[in-house]
Amino acid sequence: MPETNITTILTELKKHQLPLWHEFPDFNLYMDQLVSLSNRYIEPLTGNKITPSMVNSYVKKKIMSKPLKKKYQAEHMAELLVISLLKTVYALDTVRTGLQFTKAKYGSAIAYDHFANYFNELLSTITIVDGDISNISPKDSIPVVEQFAIQAVLYKKIGEKLISDLPQG
């Protein structure tokens, strides 16, 4: 695989970062607003769109917190972004367990910011060295299981893009 293909993919991915908690709207959102805003971050990273039925399903399966009077807050946005990324490599039950654990241990805002910071740092440090993907691991105290999850999401996306760019024949 030519190094330029990977470099092009990385250049495009690096244009997109996850927002931090303080960048979320400080007002309640309706479903359409939540979905639209979340898609601005998720679609360029995964190539997939979030739909209202997906949100309803996540709430029903208790992967995501229930909205308050059909209004969504920062916690819901954070949950939706993390779920949308992690479900590309993990079963939803695994994602739910991980979310519940990290929210209980750190609280929603801190858990999300750890995830987003590590995701953004890892994405910005991935490079090509002698044709191989390499990264300078961010020096964060994020749990190793979360590091593996984020690396899996990013490397899966890069691999899928490389495969989709192969000549058909």
N, C-alpha and C. Protein backbone atom coordinates (compact mmCIF):
# COMPACT_ATOMS: atom_id res chain seq x y z
N MET A 1 0.85 -1.18 0.00
CA MET A 1 0.00 0.00 0.00
C MET A 1 0.89 1.24 0.00
N PRO A 2 0.71 2.10 -0.97
CA PRO A 2 1.55 3.30 -1.01
C PRO A 2 1.37 4.16 0.24
N GLU A 3 2.50 4.68 0.70
CA GLU A 3 2.50 5.52 1.90
C GLU A 3 1.61 6.75 1.72
N THR A 4 1.51 7.25 0.49
CA THR A 4 0.71 8.46 0.26
C THR A 4 -0.76 8.23 0.53
N ASN A 5 -1.28 6.99 0.29
CA ASN A 5 -2.69 6.71 0.60
C ASN A 5 -2.95 6.85 2.09
N ILE A 6 -2.07 6.27 2.91
CA ILE A 6 -2.24 6.35 4.35
C ILE A 6 -2.09 7.79 4.81
N THR A 7 -1.14 8.49 4.27
CA THR A 7 -0.92 9.89 4.63
C THR A 7 -2.15 10.73 4.29
N THR A 8 -2.74 10.49 3.12
CA THR A 8 -3.95 11.21 2.72
C THR A 8 -5.10 10.92 3.68
N ILE A 9 -5.27 9.66 4.03
CA ILE A 9 -6.34 9.27 4.97
C ILE A 9 -6.12 9.95 6.32
N LEU A 10 -4.89 9.90 6.81
CA LEU A 10 -4.58 10.52 8.10
C LEU A 10 -4.79 12.03 8.06
N THR A 11 -4.38 12.65 6.97
CA THR A 11 -4.56 14.10 6.83
C THR A 11 -6.03 14.46 6.91
N GLU A 12 -6.87 13.68 6.25
CA GLU A 12 -8.31 13.95 6.28
C GLU A 12 -8.89 13.71 7.68
N LEU A 13 -8.52 12.59 8.30
CA LEU A 13 -9.04 12.28 9.64
C LEU A 13 -8.61 13.34 10.66
N LYS A 14 -7.37 13.82 10.53
CA LYS A 14 -6.84 14.77 11.51
C LYS A 14 -7.54 16.13 11.47
N LYS A 15 -8.32 16.37 10.43
CA LYS A 15 -9.10 17.62 10.35
C LYS A 15 -10.27 17.61 11.32
N HIS A 16 -10.57 16.44 11.85
CA HIS A 16 -11.76 16.29 12.69
C HIS A 16 -11.36 15.90 14.11
N GLN A 17 -11.86 16.62 15.06
CA GLN A 17 -11.56 16.38 16.47
C GLN A 17 -12.88 16.23 17.22
N LEU A 18 -12.83 15.49 18.31
CA LEU A 18 -14.00 15.43 19.19
C LEU A 18 -14.02 16.70 20.03
N PRO A 19 -15.21 17.25 20.26
CA PRO A 19 -15.29 18.42 21.13
C PRO A 19 -15.06 18.01 22.58
N LEU A 20 -14.63 18.95 23.39
CA LEU A 20 -14.52 18.70 24.83
C LEU A 20 -15.85 19.07 25.47
N TRP A 21 -16.04 18.65 26.70
CA TRP A 21 -17.30 18.85 27.41
C TRP A 21 -17.72 20.32 27.42
N HIS A 22 -16.78 21.22 27.69
CA HIS A 22 -17.13 22.64 27.78
C HIS A 22 -17.54 23.23 26.43
N GLU A 23 -17.31 22.51 25.34
CA GLU A 23 -17.70 22.96 24.01
C GLU A 23 -19.12 22.53 23.64
N PHE A 24 -19.72 21.67 24.44
CA PHE A 24 -21.10 21.27 24.19
C PHE A 24 -22.03 22.44 24.45
N PRO A 25 -23.18 22.45 23.81
CA PRO A 25 -24.16 23.52 24.11
C PRO A 25 -24.51 23.51 25.59
N ASP A 26 -24.68 24.69 26.14
CA ASP A 26 -25.03 24.79 27.57
C ASP A 26 -26.54 24.97 27.74
N PHE A 27 -27.28 24.45 26.80
CA PHE A 27 -28.74 24.47 26.86
C PHE A 27 -29.25 23.11 26.39
N ASN A 28 -30.50 22.82 26.70
CA ASN A 28 -31.09 21.54 26.32
C ASN A 28 -31.33 21.48 24.81
N LEU A 29 -31.21 20.27 24.28
CA LEU A 29 -31.42 20.05 22.84
C LEU A 29 -32.60 19.12 22.62
N TYR A 30 -33.30 19.33 21.53
CA TYR A 30 -34.31 18.38 21.10
C TYR A 30 -33.61 17.30 20.29
N MET A 31 -34.30 16.19 20.06
CA MET A 31 -33.71 15.05 19.37
C MET A 31 -33.04 15.45 18.05
N ASP A 32 -33.73 16.18 17.21
CA ASP A 32 -33.16 16.55 15.90
C ASP A 32 -31.89 17.37 16.04
N GLN A 33 -31.85 18.23 17.04
CA GLN A 33 -30.65 19.04 17.28
C GLN A 33 -29.49 18.16 17.76
N LEU A 34 -29.79 17.24 18.67
CA LEU A 34 -28.78 16.31 19.18
C LEU A 34 -28.18 15.48 18.04
N VAL A 35 -29.05 14.94 17.21
CA VAL A 35 -28.61 14.10 16.09
C VAL A 35 -27.79 14.91 15.10
N SER A 36 -28.28 16.07 14.74
CA SER A 36 -27.58 16.92 13.77
C SER A 36 -26.19 17.32 14.26
N LEU A 37 -26.11 17.79 15.49
CA LEU A 37 -24.83 18.22 16.05
C LEU A 37 -23.87 17.03 16.20
N SER A 38 -24.37 15.92 16.66
CA SER A 38 -23.52 14.72 16.83
C SER A 38 -22.98 14.25 15.48
N ASN A 39 -23.80 14.32 14.45
CA ASN A 39 -23.35 13.88 13.12
C ASN A 39 -22.23 14.75 12.57
N ARG A 40 -22.17 16.01 12.97
CA ARG A 40 -21.07 16.88 12.53
C ARG A 40 -19.72 16.33 12.98
N TYR A 41 -19.70 15.67 14.13
CA TYR A 41 -18.46 15.12 14.67
C TYR A 41 -18.24 13.67 14.23
N ILE A 42 -19.30 12.88 14.22
CA ILE A 42 -19.17 11.44 14.00
C ILE A 42 -19.03 11.05 12.54
N GLU A 43 -19.83 11.64 11.69
CA GLU A 43 -19.82 11.21 10.28
C GLU A 43 -18.45 11.31 9.62
N PRO A 44 -17.70 12.39 9.81
CA PRO A 44 -16.37 12.44 9.19
C PRO A 44 -15.38 11.40 9.77
N LEU A 45 -15.61 10.99 11.00
CA LEU A 45 -14.70 10.03 11.64
C LEU A 45 -15.06 8.58 11.34
N THR A 46 -16.34 8.29 11.18
CA THR A 46 -16.76 6.90 10.99
C THR A 46 -17.37 6.64 9.61
N GLY A 47 -17.86 7.69 8.97
CA GLY A 47 -18.57 7.51 7.71
C GLY A 47 -20.02 7.10 7.91
N ASN A 48 -20.45 7.03 9.17
CA ASN A 48 -21.82 6.63 9.50
C ASN A 48 -22.59 7.80 10.08
N LYS A 49 -23.90 7.78 9.85
CA LYS A 49 -24.77 8.81 10.42
C LYS A 49 -25.55 8.25 11.59
N ILE A 50 -25.77 9.10 12.57
CA ILE A 50 -26.62 8.77 13.71
C ILE A 50 -28.04 9.14 13.30
N THR A 51 -29.01 8.32 13.72
CA THR A 51 -30.41 8.61 13.42
C THR A 51 -31.19 8.70 14.74
N PRO A 52 -32.34 9.35 14.71
CA PRO A 52 -33.17 9.39 15.92
C PRO A 52 -33.55 8.00 16.43
N SER A 53 -33.78 7.06 15.51
CA SER A 53 -34.15 5.70 15.96
C SER A 53 -32.98 5.03 16.69
N MET A 54 -31.75 5.35 16.29
CA MET A 54 -30.59 4.81 16.99
C MET A 54 -30.55 5.35 18.42
N VAL A 55 -30.78 6.66 18.57
CA VAL A 55 -30.77 7.27 19.90
C VAL A 55 -31.85 6.62 20.76
N ASN A 56 -33.05 6.47 20.21
CA ASN A 56 -34.13 5.83 20.96
C ASN A 56 -33.76 4.41 21.38
N SER A 57 -33.11 3.69 20.49
CA SER A 57 -32.69 2.33 20.80
C SER A 57 -31.64 2.31 21.92
N TYR A 58 -30.68 3.23 21.88
CA TYR A 58 -29.66 3.30 22.93
C TYR A 58 -30.28 3.61 24.29
N VAL A 59 -31.29 4.48 24.29
CA VAL A 59 -31.96 4.82 25.54
C VAL A 59 -32.75 3.61 26.03
N LYS A 60 -33.47 2.97 25.13
CA LYS A 60 -34.27 1.81 25.49
C LYS A 60 -33.41 0.68 26.06
N LYS A 61 -32.21 0.48 25.47
CA LYS A 61 -31.31 -0.58 25.92
C LYS A 61 -30.45 -0.13 27.11
N LYS A 62 -30.69 1.07 27.60
CA LYS A 62 -29.99 1.64 28.75
C LYS A 62 -28.49 1.80 28.50
N ILE A 63 -28.13 2.03 27.26
CA ILE A 63 -26.74 2.32 26.92
C ILE A 63 -26.53 3.82 27.10
N MET A 64 -27.59 4.57 26.89
CA MET A 64 -27.58 6.02 26.99
C MET A 64 -28.64 6.44 28.00
N SER A 65 -28.37 7.51 28.73
CA SER A 65 -29.31 8.01 29.74
C SER A 65 -30.60 8.50 29.09
N LYS A 66 -31.68 8.42 29.87
CA LYS A 66 -32.97 8.92 29.38
C LYS A 66 -32.95 10.44 29.31
N PRO A 67 -33.60 11.00 28.27
CA PRO A 67 -33.70 12.46 28.22
C PRO A 67 -34.67 12.95 29.29
N LEU A 68 -34.53 14.20 29.65
CA LEU A 68 -35.43 14.81 30.62
C LEU A 68 -36.50 15.60 29.87
N LYS A 69 -37.73 15.08 29.89
CA LYS A 69 -38.84 15.71 29.18
C LYS A 69 -38.52 15.92 27.70
N LYS A 70 -37.98 14.88 27.07
CA LYS A 70 -37.63 14.87 25.65
C LYS A 70 -36.55 15.89 25.28
N LYS A 71 -35.77 16.30 26.28
CA LYS A 71 -34.68 17.24 26.02
C LYS A 71 -33.36 16.57 26.44
N TYR A 72 -32.34 16.82 25.63
CA TYR A 72 -31.04 16.19 25.82
C TYR A 72 -30.03 17.23 26.28
N GLN A 73 -29.10 16.77 27.11
CA GLN A 73 -28.09 17.65 27.70
C GLN A 73 -26.69 17.21 27.29
N ALA A 74 -25.69 17.86 27.84
CA ALA A 74 -24.29 17.56 27.52
C ALA A 74 -23.97 16.08 27.75
N GLU A 75 -24.48 15.52 28.82
CA GLU A 75 -24.21 14.10 29.11
C GLU A 75 -24.69 13.21 27.97
N HIS A 76 -25.85 13.52 27.41
CA HIS A 76 -26.38 12.73 26.30
C HIS A 76 -25.50 12.86 25.06
N MET A 77 -25.04 14.07 24.81
CA MET A 77 -24.16 14.30 23.65
C MET A 77 -22.87 13.49 23.82
N ALA A 78 -22.29 13.54 25.00
CA ALA A 78 -21.05 12.79 25.27
C ALA A 78 -21.29 11.29 25.09
N GLU A 79 -22.35 10.79 25.67
CA GLU A 79 -22.66 9.37 25.55
C GLU A 79 -22.84 8.97 24.08
N LEU A 80 -23.56 9.78 23.34
CA LEU A 80 -23.84 9.46 21.94
C LEU A 80 -22.56 9.45 21.10
N LEU A 81 -21.67 10.39 21.33
CA LEU A 81 -20.42 10.42 20.58
C LEU A 81 -19.57 9.19 20.89
N VAL A 82 -19.44 8.86 22.16
CA VAL A 82 -18.63 7.70 22.55
C VAL A 82 -19.25 6.40 22.03
N ILE A 83 -20.55 6.26 22.18
CA ILE A 83 -21.23 5.06 21.69
C ILE A 83 -21.02 4.92 20.18
N SER A 84 -21.20 6.02 19.47
CA SER A 84 -21.09 5.98 18.01
C SER A 84 -19.69 5.58 17.54
N LEU A 85 -18.69 5.97 18.28
CA LEU A 85 -17.32 5.56 17.93
C LEU A 85 -17.03 4.12 18.33
N LEU A 86 -17.34 3.78 19.57
CA LEU A 86 -16.98 2.47 20.08
C LEU A 86 -17.78 1.33 19.48
N LYS A 87 -19.00 1.60 19.04
CA LYS A 87 -19.82 0.52 18.49
C LYS A 87 -19.26 0.01 17.16
N THR A 88 -18.33 0.76 16.57
CA THR A 88 -17.72 0.29 15.32
C THR A 88 -16.79 -0.89 15.56
N VAL A 89 -16.36 -1.09 16.80
CA VAL A 89 -15.46 -2.21 17.09
C VAL A 89 -15.92 -3.10 18.25
N TYR A 90 -16.90 -2.68 19.01
CA TYR A 90 -17.36 -3.45 20.16
C TYR A 90 -18.87 -3.66 20.12
N ALA A 91 -19.32 -4.75 20.73
CA ALA A 91 -20.75 -4.99 20.88
C ALA A 91 -21.33 -3.92 21.81
N LEU A 92 -22.60 -3.59 21.59
CA LEU A 92 -23.24 -2.55 22.40
C LEU A 92 -23.26 -2.89 23.89
N ASP A 93 -23.35 -4.16 24.23
CA ASP A 93 -23.30 -4.54 25.66
C ASP A 93 -21.94 -4.19 26.26
N THR A 94 -20.89 -4.38 25.50
CA THR A 94 -19.55 -4.03 25.95
C THR A 94 -19.41 -2.53 26.11
N VAL A 95 -19.95 -1.79 25.16
CA VAL A 95 -19.92 -0.32 25.22
C VAL A 95 -20.67 0.16 26.46
N ARG A 96 -21.85 -0.41 26.71
CA ARG A 96 -22.65 -0.03 27.88
C ARG A 96 -21.88 -0.27 29.17
N THR A 97 -21.26 -1.43 29.29
CA THR A 97 -20.49 -1.77 30.49
C THR A 97 -19.36 -0.77 30.69
N GLY A 98 -18.63 -0.46 29.63
CA GLY A 98 -17.53 0.50 29.72
C GLY A 98 -18.00 1.89 30.11
N LEU A 99 -19.09 2.33 29.50
CA LEU A 99 -19.64 3.65 29.84
C LEU A 99 -20.07 3.71 31.29
N GLN A 100 -20.79 2.70 31.74
CA GLN A 100 -21.25 2.68 33.13
C GLN A 100 -20.09 2.72 34.11
N PHE A 101 -19.05 1.95 33.82
CA PHE A 101 -17.89 1.89 34.70
C PHE A 101 -17.19 3.25 34.76
N THR A 102 -16.89 3.83 33.60
CA THR A 102 -16.13 5.09 33.61
C THR A 102 -16.94 6.24 34.17
N LYS A 103 -18.25 6.27 33.90
CA LYS A 103 -19.09 7.34 34.47
C LYS A 103 -19.16 7.21 35.99
N ALA A 104 -19.27 5.98 36.48
CA ALA A 104 -19.32 5.76 37.94
C ALA A 104 -18.00 6.14 38.60
N LYS A 105 -16.89 5.84 37.94
CA LYS A 105 -15.58 6.08 38.53
C LYS A 105 -15.17 7.55 38.46
N TYR A 106 -15.42 8.21 37.32
CA TYR A 106 -14.91 9.57 37.12
C TYR A 106 -15.99 10.65 37.04
N GLY A 107 -17.23 10.27 36.81
CA GLY A 107 -18.27 11.24 36.51
C GLY A 107 -18.30 11.48 35.00
N SER A 108 -19.44 11.89 34.49
CA SER A 108 -19.63 12.01 33.04
C SER A 108 -18.67 12.98 32.37
N ALA A 109 -18.52 14.18 32.93
CA ALA A 109 -17.70 15.21 32.28
C ALA A 109 -16.23 14.80 32.23
N ILE A 110 -15.69 14.33 33.33
CA ILE A 110 -14.28 13.93 33.37
C ILE A 110 -14.04 12.71 32.49
N ALA A 111 -14.93 11.72 32.57
CA ALA A 111 -14.77 10.51 31.76
C ALA A 111 -14.80 10.87 30.28
N TYR A 112 -15.73 11.71 29.88
CA TYR A 112 -15.81 12.09 28.47
C TYR A 112 -14.57 12.87 28.04
N ASP A 113 -14.17 13.85 28.84
CA ASP A 113 -12.99 14.65 28.45
C ASP A 113 -11.73 13.80 28.36
N HIS A 114 -11.57 12.80 29.23
CA HIS A 114 -10.43 11.88 29.12
C HIS A 114 -10.48 11.17 27.77
N PHE A 115 -11.66 10.66 27.44
CA PHE A 115 -11.84 9.95 26.18
C PHE A 115 -11.54 10.87 25.00
N ALA A 116 -12.16 12.04 24.97
CA ALA A 116 -11.99 12.98 23.84
C ALA A 116 -10.54 13.46 23.73
N ASN A 117 -9.92 13.79 24.85
CA ASN A 117 -8.53 14.23 24.82
C ASN A 117 -7.61 13.15 24.27
N TYR A 118 -7.78 11.92 24.75
CA TYR A 118 -6.94 10.83 24.27
C TYR A 118 -7.20 10.57 22.78
N PHE A 119 -8.45 10.55 22.40
CA PHE A 119 -8.81 10.34 20.99
C PHE A 119 -8.14 11.39 20.12
N ASN A 120 -8.29 12.66 20.49
CA ASN A 120 -7.73 13.76 19.70
C ASN A 120 -6.20 13.72 19.68
N GLU A 121 -5.59 13.42 20.83
CA GLU A 121 -4.13 13.35 20.89
C GLU A 121 -3.60 12.19 20.06
N LEU A 122 -4.23 11.03 20.19
CA LEU A 122 -3.79 9.88 19.42
C LEU A 122 -3.93 10.15 17.93
N LEU A 123 -5.05 10.69 17.54
CA LEU A 123 -5.27 11.00 16.13
C LEU A 123 -4.21 11.97 15.62
N SER A 124 -3.85 12.96 16.42
CA SER A 124 -2.87 13.95 15.96
C SER A 124 -1.44 13.42 15.96
N THR A 125 -1.17 12.32 16.70
CA THR A 125 0.20 11.81 16.77
C THR A 125 0.46 10.61 15.87
N ILE A 126 -0.58 10.08 15.23
CA ILE A 126 -0.36 8.96 14.31
C ILE A 126 0.43 9.48 13.11
N THR A 127 1.50 8.78 12.77
CA THR A 127 2.33 9.17 11.64
C THR A 127 2.70 7.92 10.83
N ILE A 128 3.35 8.17 9.71
CA ILE A 128 3.85 7.08 8.88
C ILE A 128 5.38 7.07 9.02
N VAL A 129 5.92 5.94 9.46
CA VAL A 129 7.37 5.78 9.60
C VAL A 129 7.77 4.56 8.78
N ASP A 130 8.56 4.78 7.75
CA ASP A 130 9.01 3.70 6.86
C ASP A 130 7.84 2.85 6.36
N GLY A 131 6.75 3.52 6.00
CA GLY A 131 5.59 2.84 5.45
C GLY A 131 4.66 2.21 6.47
N ASP A 132 4.99 2.30 7.75
CA ASP A 132 4.16 1.71 8.80
C ASP A 132 3.51 2.80 9.64
N ILE A 133 2.31 2.51 10.11
CA ILE A 133 1.63 3.44 11.01
C ILE A 133 2.32 3.39 12.37
N SER A 134 2.57 4.55 12.93
CA SER A 134 3.23 4.66 14.22
C SER A 134 2.57 5.80 14.98
N ASN A 135 2.73 5.79 16.26
CA ASN A 135 2.26 6.94 17.03
C ASN A 135 3.11 7.11 18.28
N ILE A 136 3.19 8.35 18.69
CA ILE A 136 3.82 8.68 19.95
C ILE A 136 2.68 8.70 20.95
N SER A 137 2.64 7.72 21.82
CA SER A 137 1.52 7.59 22.73
C SER A 137 1.40 8.81 23.63
N PRO A 138 0.20 9.41 23.66
CA PRO A 138 0.01 10.54 24.57
C PRO A 138 0.29 10.14 26.01
N LYS A 139 0.84 11.06 26.77
CA LYS A 139 1.18 10.77 28.16
C LYS A 139 0.02 11.15 29.07
N ASP A 140 -1.06 10.40 28.94
CA ASP A 140 -2.25 10.65 29.74
C ASP A 140 -2.46 9.47 30.67
N SER A 141 -3.13 9.69 31.75
CA SER A 141 -3.37 8.62 32.71
C SER A 141 -4.66 7.87 32.40
N ILE A 142 -5.02 7.81 31.16
CA ILE A 142 -6.25 7.13 30.75
C ILE A 142 -6.05 5.61 30.89
N PRO A 143 -7.07 4.90 31.34
CA PRO A 143 -6.94 3.45 31.51
C PRO A 143 -6.57 2.76 30.20
N VAL A 144 -5.77 1.71 30.30
CA VAL A 144 -5.27 1.01 29.11
C VAL A 144 -6.41 0.44 28.28
N VAL A 145 -7.49 0.00 28.90
CA VAL A 145 -8.61 -0.55 28.14
C VAL A 145 -9.21 0.53 27.24
N GLU A 146 -9.28 1.75 27.73
CA GLU A 146 -9.80 2.85 26.93
C GLU A 146 -8.82 3.20 25.81
N GLN A 147 -7.54 3.13 26.09
CA GLN A 147 -6.54 3.37 25.04
C GLN A 147 -6.71 2.36 23.91
N PHE A 148 -6.86 1.09 24.25
CA PHE A 148 -7.04 0.06 23.23
C PHE A 148 -8.31 0.30 22.43
N ALA A 149 -9.39 0.69 23.10
CA ALA A 149 -10.65 0.94 22.41
C ALA A 149 -10.50 2.07 21.39
N ILE A 150 -9.88 3.15 21.79
CA ILE A 150 -9.71 4.30 20.89
C ILE A 150 -8.79 3.94 19.73
N GLN A 151 -7.70 3.23 20.02
CA GLN A 151 -6.80 2.81 18.95
C GLN A 151 -7.53 1.90 17.96
N ALA A 152 -8.37 1.00 18.48
CA ALA A 152 -9.11 0.09 17.61
C ALA A 152 -10.03 0.86 16.68
N VAL A 153 -10.72 1.87 17.19
CA VAL A 153 -11.62 2.68 16.37
C VAL A 153 -10.84 3.36 15.25
N LEU A 154 -9.75 4.02 15.61
CA LEU A 154 -8.98 4.77 14.61
C LEU A 154 -8.33 3.84 13.59
N TYR A 155 -7.70 2.77 14.04
CA TYR A 155 -7.03 1.87 13.11
C TYR A 155 -8.03 1.13 12.23
N LYS A 156 -9.20 0.82 12.75
CA LYS A 156 -10.24 0.17 11.94
C LYS A 156 -10.67 1.10 10.83
N LYS A 157 -10.89 2.36 11.14
CA LYS A 157 -11.31 3.34 10.13
C LYS A 157 -10.23 3.48 9.05
N ILE A 158 -8.99 3.57 9.45
CA ILE A 158 -7.90 3.68 8.47
C ILE A 158 -7.86 2.44 7.58
N GLY A 159 -7.97 1.27 8.17
CA GLY A 159 -7.96 0.02 7.41
C GLY A 159 -9.13 -0.07 6.43
N GLU A 160 -10.32 0.29 6.87
CA GLU A 160 -11.49 0.27 5.99
C GLU A 160 -11.31 1.21 4.81
N LYS A 161 -10.77 2.39 5.08
CA LYS A 161 -10.55 3.36 4.01
C LYS A 161 -9.51 2.86 3.01
N LEU A 162 -8.45 2.25 3.51
CA LEU A 162 -7.43 1.69 2.61
C LEU A 162 -8.03 0.59 1.73
N ILE A 163 -8.86 -0.26 2.32
CA ILE A 163 -9.49 -1.34 1.56
C ILE A 163 -10.46 -0.78 0.52
N SER A 164 -11.23 0.22 0.91
CA SER A 164 -12.19 0.81 -0.04
C SER A 164 -11.50 1.51 -1.19
N ASP A 165 -10.25 1.94 -1.00
CA ASP A 165 -9.50 2.61 -2.06
C ASP A 165 -8.78 1.64 -2.99
N LEU A 166 -8.82 0.32 -2.67
CA LEU A 166 -8.15 -0.65 -3.53
C LEU A 166 -8.86 -0.73 -4.89
N PRO A 167 -8.10 -0.96 -5.95
CA PRO A 167 -8.73 -1.11 -7.27
C PRO A 167 -9.67 -2.31 -7.28
N GLN A 168 -10.83 -2.12 -7.85
CA GLN A 168 -11.81 -3.21 -7.97
C GLN A 168 -11.41 -4.10 -9.14
N GLY A 169 -11.56 -5.39 -8.98
CA GLY A 169 -11.17 -6.24 -10.11
C GLY A 169 -11.44 -7.64 -9.93
